[in-house]
Amino acid sequence: MIAARLAEYAQSLCYELLSPAVVHEVKRRLLDSVGCALAAFDAEPCRIARRMAQSVKVTNGATLWGTTHKTLPDLAAFANGALVRYLDFNDTYLAMEPAHPSDNLAAALAIGEMNLVSGRQLIEAVTLAYEIQCRLCDAAALRPRGWDHVTYGPFSSALGAAKLLQLPTPGMLQAVNLAGVANVALRQTRVGDLSMWKACAFSNAARNGVFAALLAQQGMTGPSPIFEGEKGFMKLVSGPLELSAFGGDKAGAQERVPFKILDTYIKHYPVEYHAQTAVEAAVAMRAEILQSEGPRGLTDIETIEIGSYDVAIEIIGRDPEKWQPRTRETADHSFPYCVAVALLDGTVTLSSFDEERLHDPLVKALMQKIRVVRQPEFIEQYPGAMPTRLTVTSHSGKQYVRQQDYPLGHPRNPMSDHEIVDKFSLLAAGKLGSAQARNLVDLIWNLDKVKDVHVLMPLLKVRRKTSHA
């Protein structure tokens, strides 16, 4: 049974199996995700989630990041996970089903803090959660069947939590069963005009995963077989599932299977990942147009063609709302908006999604000149590459073409540690003091030496005055 295999793998995974590269990548993802969370502290969906979590106070509970309030671990996973996800700036994995595996971090830290785990234990659990979610994404696409990608999240978060709770294998099996039976999410979250829930969909899945692990710790059992059963996950949700070998498994006499965290992507721009190459192409093309024609070249554009592949078009280049985004959630999932802003501004930043920019007549006018076109030759290249071909034609007939295949942050074009620290510093600015930020960065780089991960929490306290707790 798949659930048994997941439980046995979770039980067998140990820190000693992790290469230095894997350990270092966990640190990079934690630093990146904490930066995303701090920058989102005042966002409305995050404040709502935090208010919900603050309604329960637990003396030795899990900390709501940015505050000193402690609550139940599942509520902390929900509120803190919304912070990580809100800006659409945390990491990504693309396969048959896309995912943002750093969404698991808030759940792992909530359970880890409450159980006084070491940095090595946290690294172990985070690696496990990445492995489970990404292998499930490799196995079957949920999107064509109407389910959201976060549906795999309860499994990965539950097993990460179960690992930190040190459940025996039977307990881990029940955590999987409980995580799967009641936590299937609708794809409507990402269709049409997107709502605040986009930021909370996985944090809710993680909350349910944590709850499943805690129930299993108390002896609760769940329906089995959860995947293969007559009314189980494969029958009703995913279709057939065949999981490949897991990271650390022996692939031969001397080799072990690489861990999936090494195949995931860090974002350079705060946009949906399929738009990363489009933004990079647009930024480069803007420079070319200005060099050739000067500023008038940007006002002389007649048409813009975005050549892409099926998955990207379905997610960010198909719905009419992508040409008329009314919310940040829709705009950062819009090919037309991201490309228009990149051409006009030469970059895309967090402020590119402010209310004033969303309604800028220049942006709106340029978006109406954009069409998204399927490129058959790109289909086979995805997900190994994420090619975007941008073609801009001026009123005079002059044409500019730029193609980008691997965005900065992709495993084949990775961001350096220095670039990740720069991203963190930009995101944390105004939320942490300079010394506090440096101490947090140093602590994360030395996570494997930390005896108790609760020492991270004071360094996440937002220092500036704010009217929103």
Protein backbone atom coordinates (compact mmCIF):
# COMPACT_ATOMS: atom_id res chain seq x y z
CA MET A 1 0.00 0.00 0.00
CA ILE A 2 1.16 3.51 -0.78
CA ALA A 3 0.34 4.80 2.71
CA ALA A 4 2.47 2.08 4.28
CA ARG A 5 5.33 2.87 1.94
CA LEU A 6 5.13 6.56 2.84
CA ALA A 7 5.10 5.76 6.57
CA GLU A 8 8.02 3.35 6.32
CA TYR A 9 10.07 5.83 4.34
CA ALA A 10 9.32 8.62 6.81
CA GLN A 11 10.43 6.38 9.66
CA SER A 12 13.65 5.35 7.90
CA LEU A 13 14.83 8.79 6.79
CA CYS A 14 17.64 10.10 8.97
CA TYR A 15 19.93 13.11 8.99
CA GLU A 16 22.95 10.96 8.20
CA LEU A 17 21.49 10.20 4.75
CA LEU A 18 21.41 13.89 3.82
CA SER A 19 24.27 15.26 1.78
CA PRO A 20 25.82 18.65 2.65
CA ALA A 21 24.10 20.02 -0.47
CA VAL A 22 20.68 18.94 0.81
CA VAL A 23 21.30 20.38 4.28
CA HIS A 24 22.44 23.65 2.76
CA GLU A 25 19.41 23.79 0.47
CA VAL A 26 17.06 23.46 3.45
CA LYS A 27 18.77 26.46 5.02
CA ARG A 28 18.41 28.44 1.79
CA ARG A 29 14.70 27.62 1.59
CA LEU A 30 14.09 28.56 5.22
CA LEU A 31 15.84 31.92 4.76
CA ASP A 32 13.94 32.58 1.54
CA SER A 33 10.58 31.63 3.06
CA VAL A 34 11.06 33.64 6.25
CA GLY A 35 11.83 36.69 4.12
CA CYS A 36 8.62 36.16 2.15
CA ALA A 37 6.69 35.82 5.40
CA LEU A 38 8.04 39.01 6.96
CA ALA A 39 7.25 41.07 3.86
CA ALA A 40 3.65 39.79 3.94
CA PHE A 41 3.08 40.58 7.61
CA ASP A 42 0.53 43.36 7.03
CA ALA A 43 -1.33 41.75 4.12
CA GLU A 44 -5.05 41.46 4.75
CA PRO A 45 -5.40 37.65 4.37
CA CYS A 46 -2.44 37.21 6.72
CA ARG A 47 -3.94 39.55 9.31
CA ILE A 48 -7.22 37.64 9.16
CA ALA A 49 -5.42 34.33 9.64
CA ARG A 50 -3.38 35.79 12.50
CA ARG A 51 -6.50 37.12 14.25
CA MET A 52 -8.05 33.68 14.06
CA ALA A 53 -4.94 32.11 15.59
CA GLN A 54 -4.69 34.79 18.28
CA SER A 55 -8.13 33.83 19.56
CA VAL A 56 -6.46 30.83 21.20
CA LYS A 57 -3.54 31.28 23.60
CA VAL A 58 -1.33 28.34 24.59
CA THR A 59 1.47 29.05 27.06
CA ASN A 60 3.89 26.52 25.57
CA GLY A 61 2.41 26.59 22.09
CA ALA A 62 3.72 27.57 18.67
CA THR A 63 4.62 31.21 17.97
CA LEU A 64 2.79 33.34 15.45
CA TRP A 65 5.69 34.77 13.46
CA GLY A 66 6.25 38.47 13.94
CA THR A 67 4.62 38.38 17.38
CA THR A 68 5.15 36.83 20.81
CA HIS A 69 1.73 35.16 20.82
CA LYS A 70 1.72 31.37 21.14
CA THR A 71 -1.18 29.25 20.00
CA LEU A 72 -2.09 25.73 18.92
CA PRO A 73 0.35 24.31 16.35
CA ASP A 74 -2.27 23.78 13.68
CA LEU A 75 -3.44 27.40 13.96
CA ALA A 76 0.18 28.58 13.86
CA ALA A 77 0.77 26.48 10.75
CA PHE A 78 -2.25 28.16 9.14
CA ALA A 79 -1.33 31.74 10.03
CA ASN A 80 2.41 31.44 9.39
CA GLY A 81 1.88 29.44 6.23
CA ALA A 82 -0.32 32.22 4.83
CA LEU A 83 2.59 34.63 5.42
CA VAL A 84 4.99 32.42 3.46
CA ARG A 85 2.59 32.05 0.54
CA TYR A 86 0.88 35.42 0.21
CA LEU A 87 3.38 37.24 -2.02
CA ASP A 88 3.74 34.28 -4.41
CA PHE A 89 7.48 34.67 -3.87
CA ASN A 90 8.33 31.36 -2.17
CA ASP A 91 9.82 28.39 -3.96
CA THR A 92 8.24 26.15 -6.59
CA TYR A 93 8.34 22.65 -8.01
CA LEU A 94 6.97 21.85 -11.47
CA ALA A 95 6.02 18.35 -12.58
CA MET A 96 2.78 16.64 -13.56
CA GLU A 97 1.33 18.76 -10.75
CA PRO A 98 2.99 22.03 -9.68
CA ALA A 99 3.64 22.86 -6.04
CA HIS A 100 5.26 25.27 -3.60
CA PRO A 101 7.00 22.84 -1.24
CA SER A 102 8.25 25.52 1.16
CA ASP A 103 4.59 25.79 2.15
CA ASN A 104 5.43 22.87 4.45
CA LEU A 105 7.88 24.91 6.51
CA ALA A 106 5.37 26.66 8.76
CA ALA A 107 3.88 23.34 9.83
CA ALA A 108 7.30 21.83 10.56
CA LEU A 109 8.38 24.84 12.59
CA ALA A 110 5.13 24.91 14.59
CA ILE A 111 5.51 21.28 15.67
CA GLY A 112 9.27 21.64 16.00
CA GLU A 113 9.03 24.61 18.34
CA MET A 114 6.48 22.93 20.60
CA ASN A 115 8.53 19.76 20.83
CA LEU A 116 11.89 21.50 21.37
CA VAL A 117 13.51 19.77 18.41
CA SER A 118 17.03 20.43 17.18
CA GLY A 119 17.99 22.11 13.95
CA ARG A 120 19.05 18.75 12.54
CA GLN A 121 15.66 17.24 13.32
CA LEU A 122 13.96 20.16 11.60
CA ILE A 123 16.18 19.78 8.53
CA GLU A 124 15.32 16.08 8.44
CA ALA A 125 11.57 16.76 8.62
CA VAL A 126 11.65 19.54 6.01
CA THR A 127 13.59 17.31 3.61
CA LEU A 128 10.97 14.61 4.17
CA ALA A 129 8.04 16.96 3.49
CA TYR A 130 9.66 18.19 0.27
CA GLU A 131 10.30 14.60 -0.78
CA ILE A 132 6.73 13.43 -0.18
CA GLN A 133 5.03 16.37 -1.86
CA CYS A 134 7.30 16.43 -4.91
CA ARG A 135 7.11 12.65 -5.48
CA LEU A 136 3.31 12.86 -5.36
CA CYS A 137 3.43 15.74 -7.84
CA ASP A 138 5.58 13.57 -10.11
CA ALA A 139 3.09 10.71 -9.92
CA ALA A 140 -0.24 12.26 -10.95
CA ALA A 141 -1.75 15.58 -12.03
CA LEU A 142 -4.69 16.77 -9.95
CA ARG A 143 -5.46 19.93 -11.93
CA PRO A 144 -7.14 18.26 -14.94
CA ARG A 145 -9.46 16.42 -12.56
CA GLY A 146 -10.63 19.64 -10.89
CA TRP A 147 -8.56 19.42 -7.69
CA ASP A 148 -6.03 21.93 -6.44
CA HIS A 149 -2.34 21.10 -6.04
CA VAL A 150 -2.56 21.73 -2.28
CA THR A 151 -4.45 18.43 -2.01
CA TYR A 152 -1.05 16.71 -1.73
CA GLY A 153 -0.11 19.04 1.12
CA PRO A 154 -1.83 17.27 4.02
CA PHE A 155 0.22 14.15 3.29
CA SER A 156 3.57 15.94 3.23
CA SER A 157 2.83 18.20 6.20
CA ALA A 158 1.42 15.31 8.23
CA LEU A 159 4.50 13.18 7.70
CA GLY A 160 6.84 16.08 8.43
CA ALA A 161 4.95 16.69 11.67
CA ALA A 162 4.83 12.97 12.50
CA LYS A 163 8.59 12.80 12.05
CA LEU A 164 9.10 15.62 14.55
CA LEU A 165 6.61 14.01 16.94
CA GLN A 166 8.70 10.82 16.65
CA LEU A 167 5.65 8.69 15.94
CA PRO A 168 6.28 4.98 15.38
CA THR A 169 5.58 3.61 11.91
CA PRO A 170 1.96 2.58 12.74
CA GLY A 171 1.30 6.13 13.98
CA MET A 172 2.77 7.59 10.80
CA LEU A 173 0.52 5.31 8.77
CA GLN A 174 -2.54 6.63 10.59
CA ALA A 175 -1.36 10.21 10.09
CA VAL A 176 -1.34 9.53 6.33
CA ASN A 177 -4.80 7.96 6.45
CA LEU A 178 -6.25 10.87 8.43
CA ALA A 179 -4.54 13.46 6.25
CA GLY A 180 -6.00 11.98 3.08
CA VAL A 181 -9.59 11.28 3.98
CA ALA A 182 -10.98 14.78 4.56
CA ASN A 183 -8.72 17.30 2.86
CA VAL A 184 -9.38 17.44 -0.88
CA ALA A 185 -9.29 21.03 -2.22
CA LEU A 186 -11.14 22.45 -5.24
CA ARG A 187 -9.18 23.95 -8.15
CA GLN A 188 -11.64 26.85 -8.18
CA THR A 189 -9.08 28.58 -5.93
CA ARG A 190 -7.00 29.34 -9.05
CA VAL A 191 -9.66 29.95 -11.69
CA GLY A 192 -10.88 33.34 -12.90
CA ASP A 193 -10.56 36.35 -10.57
CA LEU A 194 -8.46 35.05 -7.68
CA SER A 195 -9.36 35.72 -4.06
CA MET A 196 -7.54 36.01 -0.73
CA TRP A 197 -7.88 32.26 -0.34
CA LYS A 198 -5.02 31.71 -2.79
CA ALA A 199 -2.64 32.66 0.04
CA CYS A 200 -4.36 30.35 2.51
CA ALA A 201 -5.14 27.23 0.50
CA PHE A 202 -1.94 25.38 1.34
CA SER A 203 -1.65 26.77 4.86
CA ASN A 204 -5.09 25.24 5.46
CA ALA A 205 -3.85 21.96 3.99
CA ALA A 206 -0.81 22.14 6.28
CA ARG A 207 -3.03 22.91 9.25
CA ASN A 208 -5.00 19.78 8.48
CA GLY A 209 -1.82 17.77 8.09
CA VAL A 210 -0.58 18.89 11.51
CA PHE A 211 -3.98 18.07 13.01
CA ALA A 212 -3.86 14.60 11.44
CA ALA A 213 -0.43 13.93 12.96
CA LEU A 214 -1.58 15.11 16.40
CA LEU A 215 -4.67 12.89 16.18
CA ALA A 216 -2.49 9.93 15.24
CA GLN A 217 -0.25 10.70 18.23
CA GLN A 218 -3.32 10.33 20.45
CA GLY A 219 -4.21 6.98 18.90
CA MET A 220 -6.83 8.01 16.35
CA THR A 221 -7.07 5.73 13.32
CA GLY A 222 -8.10 6.63 9.78
CA PRO A 223 -9.70 4.70 6.91
CA SER A 224 -7.50 2.29 5.04
CA PRO A 225 -6.38 1.75 2.35
CA ILE A 226 -6.61 5.49 1.83
CA PHE A 227 -5.07 5.46 -1.65
CA GLU A 228 -6.17 2.13 -3.15
CA GLY A 229 -9.57 1.75 -1.48
CA GLU A 230 -12.89 1.37 -3.30
CA LYS A 231 -13.72 5.01 -2.50
CA GLY A 232 -10.13 6.05 -1.90
CA PHE A 233 -7.81 8.76 -3.15
CA MET A 234 -6.82 7.13 -6.43
CA LYS A 235 -10.37 6.18 -7.34
CA LEU A 236 -11.90 9.60 -6.70
CA VAL A 237 -9.10 12.17 -6.76
CA SER A 238 -5.77 11.43 -8.43
CA GLY A 239 -6.25 8.44 -10.68
CA PRO A 240 -3.46 5.82 -10.70
CA LEU A 241 -0.43 6.66 -8.59
CA GLU A 242 2.99 5.08 -8.96
CA LEU A 243 5.62 6.62 -6.75
CA SER A 244 9.25 6.57 -7.82
CA ALA A 245 12.10 5.78 -5.45
CA PHE A 246 12.56 8.30 -2.65
CA GLY A 247 15.60 10.41 -1.87
CA GLY A 248 18.19 8.41 0.03
CA ASP A 249 16.90 5.07 -1.27
CA LYS A 250 19.60 2.86 -2.73
CA ALA A 251 19.66 3.08 -6.52
CA GLY A 252 22.64 0.78 -6.94
CA ALA A 253 25.55 -0.70 -5.12
CA GLN A 254 27.19 2.67 -4.44
CA GLU A 255 24.53 5.27 -5.29
CA ARG A 256 21.49 6.71 -3.57
CA VAL A 257 18.55 8.50 -5.15
CA PRO A 258 18.95 12.32 -5.02
CA PHE A 259 16.55 14.25 -2.82
CA LYS A 260 13.83 16.29 -4.51
CA ILE A 261 14.63 19.53 -2.71
CA LEU A 262 17.59 19.82 -5.08
CA ASP A 263 15.17 19.94 -8.04
CA THR A 264 13.00 22.76 -6.70
CA TYR A 265 13.21 26.41 -7.76
CA ILE A 266 13.67 29.69 -5.92
CA LYS A 267 11.91 32.77 -7.32
CA HIS A 268 13.73 35.88 -8.46
CA TYR A 269 10.53 37.81 -9.22
CA PRO A 270 7.28 37.86 -7.14
CA VAL A 271 5.16 36.26 -9.87
CA GLU A 272 3.75 32.82 -10.62
CA TYR A 273 6.68 30.63 -11.62
CA HIS A 274 5.66 30.09 -15.22
CA ALA A 275 5.91 33.88 -15.66
CA GLN A 276 9.53 34.05 -14.47
CA THR A 277 11.02 33.51 -17.93
CA ALA A 278 8.44 35.86 -19.45
CA VAL A 279 9.47 38.65 -17.07
CA GLU A 280 13.17 38.03 -17.72
CA ALA A 281 12.60 38.12 -21.48
CA ALA A 282 10.56 41.32 -21.16
CA VAL A 283 13.22 43.05 -19.03
CA ALA A 284 15.93 42.16 -21.55
CA MET A 285 13.73 43.19 -24.48
CA ARG A 286 12.97 46.56 -22.88
CA ALA A 287 16.69 47.31 -22.72
CA GLU A 288 17.03 46.33 -26.38
CA ILE A 289 14.12 48.54 -27.44
CA LEU A 290 15.45 51.53 -25.49
CA GLN A 291 18.91 51.10 -26.96
CA SER A 292 17.50 50.88 -30.48
CA GLU A 293 14.70 53.43 -30.41
CA GLY A 294 14.82 55.27 -27.10
CA PRO A 295 11.74 55.80 -24.86
CA ARG A 296 9.44 56.30 -27.85
CA GLY A 297 9.97 52.63 -28.71
CA LEU A 298 7.91 51.61 -25.68
CA THR A 299 4.99 53.76 -26.81
CA ASP A 300 5.23 52.58 -30.41
CA ILE A 301 4.34 48.94 -29.66
CA GLU A 302 1.59 47.52 -31.83
CA THR A 303 1.45 43.87 -30.71
CA ILE A 304 3.05 41.61 -28.12
CA GLU A 305 3.02 37.84 -28.50
CA ILE A 306 3.84 35.56 -25.57
CA GLY A 307 4.75 32.09 -26.83
CA SER A 308 4.35 29.43 -24.18
CA TYR A 309 3.26 25.87 -23.37
CA ASP A 310 -0.03 24.33 -22.25
CA VAL A 311 0.42 24.30 -18.46
CA ALA A 312 1.55 27.91 -18.29
CA ILE A 313 -1.24 29.06 -20.59
CA GLU A 314 -3.85 27.23 -18.53
CA ILE A 315 -2.68 28.78 -15.28
CA ILE A 316 -1.73 32.36 -16.22
CA GLY A 317 -2.66 33.01 -19.84
CA ARG A 318 -6.14 31.78 -20.59
CA ASP A 319 -8.87 33.33 -18.42
CA PRO A 320 -10.29 36.72 -19.50
CA GLU A 321 -9.58 38.00 -15.99
CA LYS A 322 -5.84 37.77 -16.72
CA TRP A 323 -6.26 40.76 -19.06
CA GLN A 324 -8.25 42.73 -16.49
CA PRO A 325 -6.84 41.81 -13.05
CA ARG A 326 -8.58 43.47 -10.13
CA THR A 327 -6.57 41.90 -7.33
CA ARG A 328 -2.94 41.21 -6.55
CA GLU A 329 -3.77 37.50 -6.54
CA THR A 330 -4.97 37.66 -10.16
CA ALA A 331 -2.23 40.03 -11.35
CA ASP A 332 0.72 37.92 -10.19
CA HIS A 333 -0.94 34.99 -11.98
CA SER A 334 -1.33 36.93 -15.24
CA PHE A 335 1.01 36.63 -18.23
CA PRO A 336 -0.28 39.92 -19.70
CA TYR A 337 0.09 41.93 -16.50
CA CYS A 338 3.56 40.66 -15.59
CA VAL A 339 4.92 41.21 -19.10
CA ALA A 340 3.33 44.66 -19.44
CA VAL A 341 4.80 45.86 -16.14
CA ALA A 342 8.23 44.39 -16.94
CA LEU A 343 8.29 46.17 -20.32
CA LEU A 344 7.22 49.49 -18.82
CA ASP A 345 9.32 49.42 -15.65
CA GLY A 346 12.26 47.18 -16.44
CA THR A 347 11.50 44.98 -13.44
CA VAL A 348 8.66 43.48 -11.38
CA THR A 349 8.70 44.14 -7.63
CA LEU A 350 6.27 43.85 -4.74
CA SER A 351 5.06 47.40 -5.43
CA SER A 352 4.19 46.39 -9.00
CA PHE A 353 0.97 44.96 -7.53
CA ASP A 354 -0.12 48.00 -5.53
CA GLU A 355 -3.66 49.18 -6.09
CA GLU A 356 -2.56 52.25 -8.03
CA ARG A 357 -0.44 50.18 -10.42
CA LEU A 358 -3.22 47.64 -10.94
CA HIS A 359 -5.41 50.43 -12.33
CA ASP A 360 -2.71 52.29 -14.25
CA PRO A 361 -4.08 53.20 -17.73
CA LEU A 362 -0.65 52.63 -19.31
CA VAL A 363 -0.49 49.08 -18.00
CA LYS A 364 -4.07 48.37 -19.00
CA ALA A 365 -3.53 49.72 -22.51
CA LEU A 366 -0.38 47.67 -23.05
CA MET A 367 -2.05 44.50 -21.79
CA GLN A 368 -4.70 44.77 -24.49
CA LYS A 369 -1.96 44.47 -27.12
CA ILE A 370 -0.87 41.10 -25.73
CA ARG A 371 -1.90 37.68 -26.96
CA VAL A 372 -0.71 34.34 -25.61
CA VAL A 373 0.15 31.71 -28.20
CA ARG A 374 0.80 28.01 -27.77
CA GLN A 375 4.20 26.90 -29.04
CA PRO A 376 4.06 23.15 -29.85
CA GLU A 377 7.85 22.82 -29.73
CA PHE A 378 7.83 23.95 -26.09
CA ILE A 379 5.51 21.18 -24.90
CA GLU A 380 8.16 18.47 -24.65
CA GLN A 381 10.68 20.79 -23.01
CA TYR A 382 8.49 21.36 -19.93
CA PRO A 383 9.05 20.87 -16.99
CA GLY A 384 12.78 20.44 -17.55
CA ALA A 385 12.77 23.91 -19.08
CA MET A 386 10.18 26.69 -18.90
CA PRO A 387 10.63 28.46 -22.26
CA THR A 388 8.91 31.73 -23.07
CA ARG A 389 9.33 33.45 -26.43
CA LEU A 390 8.40 37.10 -26.44
CA THR A 391 7.80 38.85 -29.77
CA VAL A 392 7.16 42.60 -29.88
CA THR A 393 6.18 44.33 -33.11
CA SER A 394 6.19 48.12 -33.48
CA HIS A 395 3.80 50.19 -35.59
CA SER A 396 6.64 50.66 -38.07
CA GLY A 397 6.90 46.89 -38.48
CA LYS A 398 10.14 46.45 -36.54
CA GLN A 399 10.20 43.20 -34.61
CA TYR A 400 12.04 42.19 -31.43
CA VAL A 401 12.26 38.55 -30.33
CA ARG A 402 13.63 37.21 -27.06
CA GLN A 403 13.44 33.66 -25.67
CA GLN A 404 14.28 32.62 -22.13
CA ASP A 405 14.38 28.95 -21.08
CA TYR A 406 15.74 28.79 -17.51
CA PRO A 407 14.94 31.62 -15.11
CA LEU A 408 17.30 32.73 -12.37
CA GLY A 409 16.60 30.43 -9.41
CA HIS A 410 16.10 27.32 -11.54
CA PRO A 411 18.41 24.37 -10.66
CA ARG A 412 20.13 24.93 -14.03
CA ASN A 413 20.49 28.65 -13.31
CA PRO A 414 20.61 28.82 -9.50
CA MET A 415 20.62 31.90 -7.32
CA SER A 416 23.76 32.27 -5.24
CA ASP A 417 23.70 32.38 -1.45
CA HIS A 418 24.54 36.07 -1.71
CA GLU A 419 21.52 36.67 -3.96
CA ILE A 420 19.25 34.85 -1.53
CA VAL A 421 20.53 36.92 1.38
CA ASP A 422 19.95 40.06 -0.70
CA LYS A 423 16.39 38.92 -1.40
CA PHE A 424 15.83 38.24 2.30
CA SER A 425 17.26 41.63 3.28
CA LEU A 426 14.96 43.41 0.83
CA LEU A 427 11.92 41.53 2.10
CA ALA A 428 12.77 41.96 5.79
CA ALA A 429 13.54 45.67 5.50
CA GLY A 430 11.24 47.68 7.76
CA LYS A 431 10.18 44.59 9.69
CA LEU A 432 13.43 43.64 11.47
CA GLY A 433 16.24 45.75 12.84
CA SER A 434 19.55 45.42 10.98
CA ALA A 435 21.29 43.56 13.83
CA GLN A 436 18.25 41.34 14.31
CA ALA A 437 18.20 40.47 10.60
CA ARG A 438 21.91 39.64 10.61
CA ASN A 439 21.48 37.42 13.65
CA LEU A 440 18.58 35.61 12.01
CA VAL A 441 20.57 35.02 8.83
CA ASP A 442 23.53 33.71 10.83
CA LEU A 443 21.31 31.42 12.88
CA ILE A 444 19.68 29.91 9.78
CA TRP A 445 23.05 29.32 8.09
CA ASN A 446 24.04 27.44 11.25
CA LEU A 447 20.74 25.62 11.70
CA ASP A 448 22.40 22.21 11.87
CA LYS A 449 24.18 23.34 15.05
CA VAL A 450 21.04 24.68 16.78
CA LYS A 451 19.98 22.63 19.80
CA ASP A 452 16.42 23.94 20.02
CA VAL A 453 14.65 25.66 17.12
CA HIS A 454 12.53 27.82 19.43
CA VAL A 455 15.50 30.26 19.45
CA LEU A 456 14.43 31.35 15.96
CA MET A 457 11.17 32.84 17.17
CA PRO A 458 12.38 36.00 19.00
CA LEU A 459 14.37 36.91 15.90
CA LEU A 460 11.16 36.83 13.83
CA LYS A 461 9.46 39.44 16.01
CA VAL A 462 8.46 42.42 13.89
CA ARG A 463 10.08 45.43 15.55
CA ARG A 464 8.30 48.35 13.93
CA LYS A 465 5.06 49.70 15.35
CA THR A 466 2.01 48.55 13.47
CA SER A 467 -1.70 48.89 14.06
CA HIS A 468 -2.18 45.29 13.00
CA ALA A 469 -1.17 42.74 15.64
